[in-house]
Amino acid sequence: MERNTNEGRRSFFRGAATIAGTALAASVIPLRVANAQQKASKKAMQYQDRPKNGQECDQCMHFQPPKACAVVEGDISPKGWCAAWAKKP
């Protein structure tokens, strides 16, 4: 009888750990996907198709060649500028 109790207890804890891990993964993964998809509008970021004070999108850490940005939605010009501009390291 002692052996069956130990096996039942182990099985219970394995199942509980699996359920807890699944619940945690299910709650974290959608948040990462949602955050990755949200970008600001060009208007909100004061985007313009020309440089400002020598700052250009292709010199920014958010620039994604050939014409995308990690922060601003839509196509952008490599010679553009926005308020999120940050110099590449």
Protein backbone atom coordinates (compact mmCIF):
# COMPACT_ATOMS: atom_id res chain seq x y z
CA MET A 1 0.00 0.00 0.00
CA GLU A 2 2.88 2.35 0.80
CA ARG A 3 4.29 1.98 -2.73
CA ASN A 4 1.01 2.92 -4.43
CA THR A 5 0.70 6.04 -2.28
CA ASN A 6 4.19 7.24 -3.28
CA GLU A 7 3.54 6.59 -6.98
CA GLY A 8 0.22 8.39 -6.79
CA ARG A 9 1.82 11.35 -5.06
CA ARG A 10 4.60 11.55 -7.68
CA SER A 11 2.10 11.33 -10.49
CA PHE A 12 0.02 14.09 -8.91
CA PHE A 13 3.00 16.45 -8.57
CA ARG A 14 4.19 15.73 -12.13
CA GLY A 15 0.72 16.56 -13.43
CA ALA A 16 0.49 19.70 -11.32
CA ALA A 17 3.91 20.89 -12.55
CA THR A 18 2.89 20.27 -16.16
CA ILE A 19 -0.35 22.20 -15.75
CA ALA A 20 1.41 25.10 -14.01
CA GLY A 21 4.10 25.28 -16.71
CA THR A 22 1.52 25.20 -19.48
CA ALA A 23 -0.54 27.94 -17.83
CA LEU A 24 2.53 30.12 -17.40
CA ALA A 25 3.63 29.67 -21.02
CA ALA A 26 0.12 30.37 -22.28
CA SER A 27 -0.01 33.65 -20.38
CA VAL A 28 3.47 34.89 -21.38
CA ILE A 29 3.67 34.00 -25.08
CA PRO A 30 0.66 36.07 -26.25
CA LEU A 31 2.03 39.13 -24.42
CA ARG A 32 5.35 38.89 -26.25
CA VAL A 33 3.61 38.49 -29.61
CA ALA A 34 1.29 41.43 -28.92
CA ASN A 35 4.17 43.67 -27.86
CA ALA A 36 6.19 42.74 -30.91
CA GLN A 37 3.39 43.75 -33.25
CA GLN A 38 2.57 47.17 -31.82
CA LYS A 39 4.25 50.10 -33.53
CA ALA A 40 3.53 53.81 -33.28
CA SER A 41 2.02 55.77 -36.12
CA LYS A 42 4.19 58.07 -38.20
CA LYS A 43 2.20 61.04 -36.91
CA ALA A 44 2.65 60.08 -33.26
CA MET A 45 6.42 59.74 -33.76
CA GLN A 46 6.67 62.99 -35.78
CA TYR A 47 8.14 61.02 -38.69
CA GLN A 48 9.42 62.96 -41.69
CA ASP A 49 11.03 61.76 -44.94
CA ARG A 50 14.10 63.96 -44.50
CA PRO A 51 16.90 64.14 -41.90
CA LYS A 52 16.76 66.43 -38.88
CA ASN A 53 19.95 67.98 -37.49
CA GLY A 54 22.05 65.39 -39.31
CA GLN A 55 20.08 62.48 -37.84
CA GLU A 56 18.86 59.91 -40.39
CA CYS A 57 16.94 56.68 -39.97
CA ASP A 58 19.75 54.56 -41.44
CA GLN A 59 21.96 55.77 -38.57
CA CYS A 60 19.33 54.85 -35.93
CA MET A 61 19.36 51.71 -33.81
CA HIS A 62 15.66 51.09 -34.63
CA PHE A 63 16.20 51.05 -38.41
CA GLN A 64 15.51 47.74 -40.17
CA PRO A 65 16.88 47.74 -43.73
CA PRO A 66 15.81 48.30 -46.38
CA LYS A 67 12.90 50.53 -45.28
CA ALA A 68 11.38 49.51 -41.95
CA CYS A 69 11.58 50.56 -38.31
CA ALA A 70 11.13 48.68 -35.04
CA VAL A 71 9.19 51.65 -33.60
CA VAL A 72 7.32 53.34 -36.49
CA GLU A 73 4.71 51.53 -38.58
CA GLY A 74 4.84 51.33 -42.36
CA ASP A 75 7.61 51.99 -44.86
CA ILE A 76 10.17 54.61 -43.92
CA SER A 77 12.94 56.36 -45.80
CA PRO A 78 16.51 55.53 -44.78
CA LYS A 79 17.08 59.28 -44.92
CA GLY A 80 14.02 60.06 -42.75
CA TRP A 81 13.80 60.97 -39.07
CA CYS A 82 11.42 60.53 -36.09
CA ALA A 83 11.26 61.41 -32.41
CA ALA A 84 12.47 57.91 -31.41
CA TRP A 85 15.80 58.40 -33.18
CA ALA A 86 18.69 56.88 -31.24
CA LYS A 87 22.23 56.61 -32.58
CA LYS A 88 23.45 53.10 -33.39
CA PRO A 89 26.02 51.90 -30.87
